[in-house]
Amino acid sequence: MQAFILSVGDELALGQTIDTNSAWISQQLAAVGCDILGHQTIGDSQAMIETSIKHWAAQTDVLIISGGIGPTEDDLTRQSLAAVLGTGLERNEAWLAHMTAHFTSRGRTMPERNVVQAMIPRGATMIWNTAGTAAGIRATLGKCEVFSTPGVPREMKTMFTRDVLPWVAERSGGAVILQTKLHTFGLGESAIGEKLGALMDRSRNPSVGTTVANGLVSLRVNARCSNLAEGQKQLDETVVACRAAIGDMIFGQGEDTLESVVLGLLGAKEKPITVATAESCTGGWLAKMLTDLPGSSRYFQQGWVTYTNESKMAQLGVKEETLATHGAVSQPTVAEMAVGARQRAGTDYALSISGIAGPDGGTPDKPVGTVCFGLAHAGGVVTRTFGMFGDRDMVRDRSAKMALTMLRFHLLGKPLPF
């Protein structure tokens, strides 16, 4: 089966409210083997709603409409659906009585304008709403089944789970679309694509695609199969193939984050491995990532934000000669920052960062985005310099992730692969 999702509301079209309904509905439909042709967001225009319903009902098996069935004058989905059906609206007395009782039980008189929520296109079926006052609507347009639900997420999810999803699942014949994500950091999307090679062939099932967000390149693996067992088998085999192609560049899967994976490695041995941080341009971003997770106090001991040269010398023991000769953004400086932090905190490891986050402060030799990293451990100190792209926050975020990546590969006992 194929489905399309239509979201209605000026607040969505204008970007004042983020449409989370479409993403959730898509996930639920995919889990029962329903392909999603796409999403469309439109404002509160009856002409536009009618046009969209006509168009997508002719293209798909299931059309899910979210929003536009409230009690106000800009809620126009029910009128639009009635117009497309070529019929009028009629009052559903059972729902009107339910709404009246709903208000009465709360010591209130139902506003007259709420009566419109009991108006259903003639020939359509009312869908009971146990979480609100907007009744849903189900209608048939040619080969397409149309379900209209409230836009309020709690009401929509209740109605969808009870009345829409079982209908779709029954007609999918047990088919599934299973999905997972594999996360990488450090290489660009094109480099990851080259490593994947034929795995990204668009005709392949399971399909493998890439997406970029917050500096991470994630592999999206989707398996479309006639049953759950075969789907899981094919999904697992493709995940294994992706890991073989990319190796340790993949740091996690699903809900894993870079910081959660690093903390997992720090706690993998009987005695937790401890770490400290010394940051300049990131202003504590790295320490925040390490401490965002519960239980991080077992591993994270202490952090410094040494923004000035004076603080680097006073707090971490960076030599004045080092700063004068090489500058604050240099591998010799981050080496002394990391060593000083490790000695003062008494930790197994210390990470240091110093760079130029921008938008100004760059030079021809050290342009904006130049960031130096240090990793101190019992055997010495490792330093690297990378050029980070993006605005100030992007440089800072990616720098913190690069420091964690350096630590991750060291804990794995492998060299940084870039």
Protein backbone atom coordinates (compact mmCIF):
# COMPACT_ATOMS: atom_id res chain seq x y z
CA MET A 1 0.00 0.00 0.00
CA GLN A 2 1.00 3.61 -0.56
CA ALA A 3 0.06 6.60 1.55
CA PHE A 4 0.33 10.38 1.45
CA ILE A 5 0.18 12.72 4.45
CA LEU A 6 -1.41 16.14 4.25
CA SER A 7 -0.88 18.60 7.12
CA VAL A 8 -3.21 21.58 7.33
CA GLY A 9 -2.74 24.84 9.21
CA ASP A 10 -1.42 28.36 8.71
CA GLU A 11 0.83 27.94 11.74
CA LEU A 12 2.51 24.99 10.00
CA ALA A 13 2.78 26.62 6.59
CA LEU A 14 4.25 29.80 8.12
CA GLY A 15 6.78 27.86 10.16
CA GLN A 16 5.37 29.01 13.49
CA THR A 17 4.78 25.40 14.57
CA ILE A 18 6.91 22.41 13.58
CA ASP A 19 4.98 19.59 11.93
CA THR A 20 5.88 16.58 14.07
CA ASN A 21 2.68 14.71 13.14
CA SER A 22 3.84 13.76 9.64
CA ALA A 23 7.09 12.22 10.86
CA TRP A 24 5.29 10.18 13.51
CA ILE A 25 2.56 9.00 11.11
CA SER A 26 5.19 7.99 8.55
CA GLN A 27 7.05 5.90 11.10
CA GLN A 28 3.86 4.11 12.13
CA LEU A 29 2.81 3.39 8.55
CA ALA A 30 6.26 2.17 7.54
CA ALA A 31 6.24 -0.29 10.43
CA VAL A 32 3.28 -2.08 8.82
CA GLY A 33 4.74 -2.08 5.31
CA CYS A 34 3.06 1.02 3.90
CA ASP A 35 5.13 3.12 1.50
CA ILE A 36 5.01 6.89 2.04
CA LEU A 37 4.79 8.83 -1.21
CA GLY A 38 5.35 12.12 0.57
CA HIS A 39 4.16 14.90 2.85
CA GLN A 40 2.56 18.23 2.04
CA THR A 41 1.91 21.16 4.36
CA ILE A 42 -0.69 23.74 3.35
CA GLY A 43 -2.35 26.71 5.01
CA ASP A 44 -5.97 27.24 5.96
CA SER A 45 -7.26 27.81 2.42
CA GLN A 46 -10.31 25.82 1.38
CA ALA A 47 -9.38 26.04 -2.30
CA MET A 48 -5.89 24.70 -1.57
CA ILE A 49 -7.17 21.94 0.70
CA GLU A 50 -9.70 20.81 -1.92
CA THR A 51 -7.06 20.82 -4.66
CA SER A 52 -4.65 18.80 -2.53
CA ILE A 53 -7.26 16.23 -1.53
CA LYS A 54 -8.32 15.71 -5.15
CA HIS A 55 -4.76 15.39 -6.38
CA TRP A 56 -3.40 13.01 -3.76
CA ALA A 57 -6.51 10.85 -3.49
CA ALA A 58 -6.00 10.07 -7.17
CA GLN A 59 -2.36 9.09 -6.58
CA THR A 60 -2.41 6.90 -3.50
CA ASP A 61 -4.25 4.21 -1.55
CA VAL A 62 -4.47 6.06 1.77
CA LEU A 63 -4.60 9.79 2.40
CA ILE A 64 -4.06 10.96 5.97
CA ILE A 65 -5.12 14.54 6.70
CA SER A 66 -3.94 16.09 9.95
CA GLY A 67 -5.47 19.33 11.19
CA GLY A 68 -8.22 21.71 10.19
CA ILE A 69 -11.16 20.08 12.03
CA GLY A 70 -11.30 22.34 15.06
CA PRO A 71 -14.18 24.70 15.96
CA THR A 72 -12.88 28.00 14.53
CA GLU A 73 -13.56 29.69 11.20
CA ASP A 74 -10.12 28.80 9.84
CA ASP A 75 -10.72 25.06 10.37
CA LEU A 76 -11.76 24.13 6.85
CA THR A 77 -10.84 20.47 6.29
CA ARG A 78 -14.34 19.05 6.81
CA GLN A 79 -15.89 21.59 4.41
CA SER A 80 -13.15 20.90 1.86
CA LEU A 81 -13.60 17.14 2.07
CA ALA A 82 -17.37 17.51 1.68
CA ALA A 83 -16.88 19.65 -1.41
CA VAL A 84 -14.54 17.09 -2.99
CA LEU A 85 -17.05 14.33 -2.18
CA GLY A 86 -19.73 16.42 -3.86
CA THR A 87 -21.95 16.42 -0.81
CA GLY A 88 -22.91 18.62 2.11
CA LEU A 89 -22.32 18.41 5.85
CA GLU A 90 -24.74 16.76 8.23
CA ARG A 91 -24.83 16.85 11.99
CA ASN A 92 -23.88 13.71 13.87
CA GLU A 93 -26.23 13.73 16.84
CA ALA A 94 -24.23 11.15 18.80
CA TRP A 95 -21.09 13.29 18.66
CA LEU A 96 -23.03 16.46 19.46
CA ALA A 97 -24.44 14.80 22.58
CA HIS A 98 -20.98 13.60 23.55
CA MET A 99 -19.50 17.09 23.20
CA THR A 100 -22.35 18.65 25.17
CA ALA A 101 -21.83 16.15 27.97
CA HIS A 102 -18.09 16.81 27.86
CA PHE A 103 -18.58 20.50 28.60
CA THR A 104 -21.38 19.93 31.11
CA SER A 105 -19.24 17.52 33.14
CA ARG A 106 -16.74 20.34 33.54
CA GLY A 107 -19.36 22.85 34.65
CA ARG A 108 -19.28 24.74 31.37
CA THR A 109 -21.72 25.50 28.60
CA MET A 110 -20.58 24.35 25.18
CA PRO A 111 -19.89 27.34 22.90
CA GLU A 112 -22.17 27.44 19.87
CA ARG A 113 -19.19 27.41 17.54
CA ASN A 114 -18.25 23.90 18.73
CA VAL A 115 -21.36 22.50 17.03
CA VAL A 116 -19.41 22.51 13.74
CA GLN A 117 -17.25 19.74 15.13
CA ALA A 118 -20.26 17.44 14.94
CA MET A 119 -20.72 18.19 11.23
CA ILE A 120 -19.56 15.30 9.02
CA PRO A 121 -19.67 15.07 5.20
CA ARG A 122 -22.77 13.15 4.17
CA GLY A 123 -21.86 9.54 3.42
CA ALA A 124 -18.63 9.70 5.42
CA THR A 125 -18.00 7.91 8.72
CA MET A 126 -17.30 9.68 11.98
CA ILE A 127 -14.21 8.57 13.91
CA TRP A 128 -14.63 8.79 17.67
CA ASN A 129 -12.19 11.07 19.50
CA THR A 130 -11.58 9.91 23.08
CA ALA A 131 -8.94 12.60 23.71
CA GLY A 132 -10.68 15.77 22.52
CA THR A 133 -13.73 17.39 20.94
CA ALA A 134 -12.81 17.15 17.23
CA ALA A 135 -14.38 14.07 15.68
CA GLY A 136 -12.34 12.42 12.96
CA ILE A 137 -13.67 11.63 9.50
CA ARG A 138 -13.27 8.63 7.22
CA ALA A 139 -14.38 8.72 3.59
CA THR A 140 -13.76 6.90 0.33
CA LEU A 141 -12.61 8.76 -2.80
CA GLY A 142 -12.32 6.34 -5.69
CA LYS A 143 -9.68 3.77 -4.72
CA CYS A 144 -8.38 5.96 -1.92
CA GLU A 145 -9.41 5.81 1.73
CA VAL A 146 -9.22 9.23 3.39
CA PHE A 147 -8.75 9.65 7.13
CA SER A 148 -9.02 13.13 8.63
CA THR A 149 -7.64 13.49 12.16
CA PRO A 150 -7.14 16.39 14.57
CA GLY A 151 -3.88 18.30 14.41
CA VAL A 152 -3.35 18.15 18.17
CA PRO A 153 -0.66 15.44 18.46
CA ARG A 154 -2.17 13.65 21.47
CA GLU A 155 -5.61 13.46 19.84
CA MET A 156 -4.19 12.48 16.46
CA LYS A 157 -2.04 9.68 17.89
CA THR A 158 -4.93 8.22 19.88
CA MET A 159 -7.23 8.20 16.88
CA PHE A 160 -4.60 7.02 14.42
CA THR A 161 -3.42 4.12 16.59
CA ARG A 162 -6.93 2.88 17.28
CA ASP A 163 -8.73 3.43 13.97
CA VAL A 164 -6.29 4.08 11.13
CA LEU A 165 -3.22 1.92 11.67
CA PRO A 166 -5.11 -1.39 12.16
CA TRP A 167 -6.98 -0.77 8.90
CA VAL A 168 -3.71 -0.22 7.01
CA ALA A 169 -1.96 -3.15 8.72
CA GLU A 170 -4.77 -5.54 7.82
CA ARG A 171 -4.46 -4.64 4.15
CA SER A 172 -0.69 -4.76 4.04
CA GLY A 173 -0.77 -8.55 4.46
CA GLY A 174 1.98 -8.60 7.08
CA ALA A 175 4.42 -6.57 4.99
CA VAL A 176 6.96 -4.43 6.83
CA ILE A 177 9.37 -1.60 6.18
CA LEU A 178 12.13 -1.92 8.75
CA GLN A 179 14.57 0.92 9.26
CA THR A 180 17.73 1.73 11.14
CA LYS A 181 20.45 4.36 11.08
CA LEU A 182 24.22 3.99 11.34
CA HIS A 183 26.10 7.11 12.46
CA THR A 184 29.53 8.37 11.42
CA PHE A 185 31.62 11.44 12.12
CA GLY A 186 34.79 12.74 10.50
CA LEU A 187 34.30 12.08 6.78
CA GLY A 188 32.02 13.95 4.38
CA GLU A 189 28.93 12.52 2.74
CA SER A 190 30.63 11.97 -0.62
CA ALA A 191 33.55 10.11 0.98
CA ILE A 192 31.13 7.86 2.86
CA GLY A 193 29.22 7.28 -0.38
CA GLU A 194 32.37 6.19 -2.16
CA LYS A 195 33.14 3.66 0.56
CA LEU A 196 29.60 2.26 0.38
CA GLY A 197 29.79 1.79 -3.39
CA ALA A 198 27.13 -0.57 -4.75
CA LEU A 199 25.34 -0.65 -1.40
CA MET A 200 23.85 2.72 -2.38
CA ASP A 201 22.37 1.42 -5.65
CA ARG A 202 18.84 2.88 -5.75
CA SER A 203 17.38 -0.42 -7.03
CA ARG A 204 18.73 -2.32 -4.04
CA ASN A 205 16.52 -3.72 -1.26
CA PRO A 206 17.31 -3.01 1.53
CA SER A 207 18.12 0.50 0.34
CA VAL A 208 21.00 2.51 1.80
CA GLY A 209 21.03 6.29 1.75
CA THR A 210 22.87 9.03 3.61
CA THR A 211 21.74 12.08 5.50
CA VAL A 212 23.70 14.87 7.18
CA ALA A 213 22.75 16.59 10.44
CA ASN A 214 24.85 18.42 13.01
CA GLY A 215 28.10 17.32 11.43
CA LEU A 216 27.15 13.63 11.46
CA VAL A 217 26.73 11.58 8.29
CA SER A 218 24.16 8.86 8.97
CA LEU A 219 23.36 5.84 6.83
CA ARG A 220 19.64 5.19 6.45
CA VAL A 221 18.92 1.50 5.86
CA ASN A 222 15.36 0.56 4.83
CA ALA A 223 14.24 -3.02 4.25
CA ARG A 224 10.90 -3.60 2.49
CA CYS A 225 9.74 -7.20 2.88
CA SER A 226 6.60 -9.29 2.90
CA ASN A 227 7.11 -10.43 6.49
CA LEU A 228 8.93 -9.40 9.66
CA ALA A 229 11.37 -12.31 9.85
CA GLU A 230 12.67 -11.88 6.32
CA GLY A 231 12.78 -8.10 6.72
CA GLN A 232 14.87 -8.33 9.89
CA LYS A 233 17.23 -10.82 8.24
CA GLN A 234 17.81 -8.59 5.23
CA LEU A 235 18.19 -5.48 7.39
CA ASP A 236 20.80 -7.18 9.61
CA GLU A 237 22.74 -8.45 6.58
CA THR A 238 22.88 -4.96 5.08
CA VAL A 239 24.02 -3.43 8.37
CA VAL A 240 26.86 -5.98 8.47
CA ALA A 241 27.79 -5.07 4.86
CA CYS A 242 27.81 -1.34 5.70
CA ARG A 243 30.03 -1.93 8.72
CA ALA A 244 32.40 -3.99 6.54
CA ALA A 245 32.60 -1.15 4.01
CA ILE A 246 33.10 1.69 6.48
CA GLY A 247 34.53 -0.04 9.53
CA ASP A 248 35.10 1.92 12.72
CA MET A 249 33.97 5.16 11.09
CA ILE A 250 30.54 3.95 12.20
CA PHE A 251 30.36 4.88 15.87
CA GLY A 252 26.78 3.95 16.65
CA GLN A 253 23.35 2.83 15.52
CA GLY A 254 19.79 3.99 16.12
CA GLU A 255 19.60 6.26 19.16
CA ASP A 256 23.34 6.10 19.91
CA THR A 257 25.15 9.43 20.24
CA LEU A 258 28.88 10.02 20.02
CA GLU A 259 29.04 10.95 23.69
CA SER A 260 27.02 7.91 24.81
CA VAL A 261 29.32 5.60 22.84
CA VAL A 262 32.46 7.21 24.30
CA LEU A 263 31.09 6.96 27.83
CA GLY A 264 30.31 3.31 27.14
CA LEU A 265 33.93 2.72 26.19
CA LEU A 266 35.13 4.55 29.30
CA GLY A 267 33.01 2.25 31.44
CA ALA A 268 33.78 -0.96 29.56
CA LYS A 269 36.45 -2.09 32.00
CA GLU A 270 36.02 -3.10 35.62
CA LYS A 271 37.44 0.21 36.81
CA PRO A 272 35.95 3.24 35.01
CA ILE A 273 38.39 5.22 32.89
CA THR A 274 38.42 8.91 33.81
CA VAL A 275 38.76 11.98 31.64
CA ALA A 276 39.22 15.74 32.05
CA THR A 277 38.83 18.57 29.54
CA ALA A 278 40.67 21.80 28.78
CA GLU A 279 38.84 24.04 26.33
CA SER A 280 39.31 27.42 24.75
CA CYS A 281 37.19 28.16 21.64
CA THR A 282 34.51 25.61 22.56
CA GLY A 283 33.81 27.34 25.88
CA GLY A 284 32.85 24.16 27.74
CA TRP A 285 30.92 22.53 24.88
CA LEU A 286 32.94 19.33 25.18
CA ALA A 287 32.41 19.12 28.95
CA LYS A 288 28.69 19.66 28.42
CA MET A 289 28.49 16.79 25.93
CA LEU A 290 30.26 14.48 28.35
CA THR A 291 28.01 15.48 31.26
CA ASP A 292 24.69 15.52 29.40
CA LEU A 293 24.26 11.82 30.11
CA PRO A 294 23.30 10.39 33.50
CA GLY A 295 26.10 8.53 35.24
CA SER A 296 28.82 10.64 33.61
CA SER A 297 30.24 11.56 37.03
CA ARG A 298 31.87 8.12 37.11
CA TYR A 299 34.11 9.13 34.21
CA PHE A 300 34.25 12.91 33.94
CA GLN A 301 36.32 14.46 36.71
CA GLN A 302 36.97 18.09 35.89
CA GLY A 303 37.02 20.66 33.11
CA TRP A 304 38.67 24.00 32.43
CA VAL A 305 37.63 26.80 30.10
CA THR A 306 40.85 28.74 29.60
CA TYR A 307 39.93 31.37 27.07
CA THR A 308 42.89 33.71 27.51
CA ASN A 309 46.61 33.06 27.34
CA GLU A 310 46.89 34.11 30.97
CA SER A 311 44.37 31.51 32.09
CA LYS A 312 46.10 28.82 30.04
CA MET A 313 49.34 29.56 31.85
CA ALA A 314 47.84 30.02 35.32
CA GLN A 315 45.34 27.16 35.28
CA LEU A 316 47.03 24.55 33.09
CA GLY A 317 50.71 25.36 33.20
CA VAL A 318 51.08 26.27 29.54
CA LYS A 319 54.49 27.90 29.09
CA GLU A 320 54.68 31.56 28.13
CA GLU A 321 57.41 30.66 25.64
CA THR A 322 55.11 28.16 23.93
CA LEU A 323 52.38 30.74 23.49
CA ALA A 324 54.83 33.40 22.30
CA THR A 325 56.46 31.08 19.79
CA HIS A 326 53.51 29.08 18.48
CA GLY A 327 50.39 30.98 19.54
CA ALA A 328 47.28 29.85 21.42
CA VAL A 329 46.00 27.94 18.40
CA SER A 330 48.80 25.45 17.93
CA GLN A 331 49.59 21.83 18.58
CA PRO A 332 52.35 22.64 21.13
CA THR A 333 49.82 24.71 23.12
CA VAL A 334 47.05 22.07 23.13
CA ALA A 335 49.64 19.46 24.07
CA GLU A 336 50.58 21.43 27.20
CA MET A 337 46.89 22.13 27.92
CA ALA A 338 46.04 18.42 27.80
CA VAL A 339 49.05 17.35 29.86
CA GLY A 340 48.36 20.06 32.44
CA ALA A 341 44.69 19.12 32.73
CA ARG A 342 45.49 15.42 33.13
CA GLN A 343 48.08 16.08 35.83
CA ARG A 344 45.88 18.48 37.77
CA ALA A 345 42.73 16.34 37.56
CA GLY A 346 44.55 13.06 38.16
CA THR A 347 42.66 11.37 35.30
CA ASP A 348 43.53 8.64 32.82
CA TYR A 349 42.91 10.97 29.89
CA ALA A 350 42.56 14.66 29.15
CA LEU A 351 41.25 16.31 25.99
CA SER A 352 42.16 19.85 24.94
CA ILE A 353 40.81 22.18 22.26
CA SER A 354 42.01 25.59 21.04
CA GLY A 355 40.88 27.20 17.82
CA ILE A 356 39.37 30.10 15.91
CA ALA A 357 35.58 29.74 15.90
CA GLY A 358 34.94 33.02 14.05
CA PRO A 359 33.40 34.89 12.52
CA ASP A 360 36.59 36.96 12.81
CA GLY A 361 40.04 36.40 14.28
CA GLY A 362 41.45 34.36 11.42
CA THR A 363 44.74 34.95 9.63
CA PRO A 364 46.15 33.70 6.31
CA ASP A 365 48.11 31.03 8.20
CA LYS A 366 45.29 30.18 10.59
CA PRO A 367 41.94 30.94 8.97
CA VAL A 368 38.61 30.84 10.80
CA GLY A 369 37.78 27.22 11.55
CA THR A 370 41.36 26.21 12.37
CA VAL A 371 41.16 24.06 15.52
CA CYS A 372 43.92 22.18 17.34
CA PHE A 373 43.29 19.15 19.55
CA GLY A 374 45.27 17.37 22.24
CA LEU A 375 44.81 13.99 23.89
CA ALA A 376 47.00 13.27 26.91
CA HIS A 377 47.33 9.75 28.30
CA ALA A 378 49.77 7.70 30.35
CA GLY A 379 52.01 7.13 27.35
CA GLY A 380 52.27 10.75 26.23
CA VAL A 381 50.19 13.19 24.21
CA VAL A 382 48.71 13.12 20.69
CA THR A 383 47.89 16.35 18.82
CA ARG A 384 46.05 17.10 15.58
CA THR A 385 44.86 20.15 13.66
CA PHE A 386 41.70 20.25 11.54
CA GLY A 387 39.83 22.85 9.53
CA MET A 388 36.21 23.05 10.68
CA PHE A 389 33.53 24.44 8.37
CA GLY A 390 30.41 26.39 9.25
CA ASP A 391 29.38 29.26 11.48
CA ARG A 392 30.63 29.82 15.02
CA ASP A 393 28.33 27.30 16.68
CA MET A 394 28.98 24.69 14.00
CA VAL A 395 32.73 25.03 14.47
CA ARG A 396 32.37 24.68 18.23
CA ASP A 397 30.01 21.69 18.01
CA ARG A 398 32.13 19.86 15.45
CA SER A 399 35.27 20.56 17.44
CA ALA A 400 33.78 18.95 20.54
CA LYS A 401 32.76 15.94 18.44
CA MET A 402 36.23 15.70 16.92
CA ALA A 403 37.80 15.60 20.39
CA LEU A 404 35.43 12.78 21.37
CA THR A 405 36.28 10.98 18.14
CA MET A 406 40.00 11.17 18.90
CA LEU A 407 39.34 9.66 22.32
CA ARG A 408 37.06 6.96 20.86
CA PHE A 409 39.66 5.72 18.39
CA HIS A 410 42.35 5.78 21.07
CA LEU A 411 40.15 3.69 23.36
CA LEU A 412 39.61 1.26 20.46
CA GLY A 413 43.38 1.01 20.10
CA LYS A 414 43.28 2.28 16.50
CA PRO A 415 44.72 5.31 14.71
CA LEU A 416 42.45 8.14 13.62
CA PRO A 417 41.53 7.19 10.03
CA PHE A 418 41.59 10.73 8.60
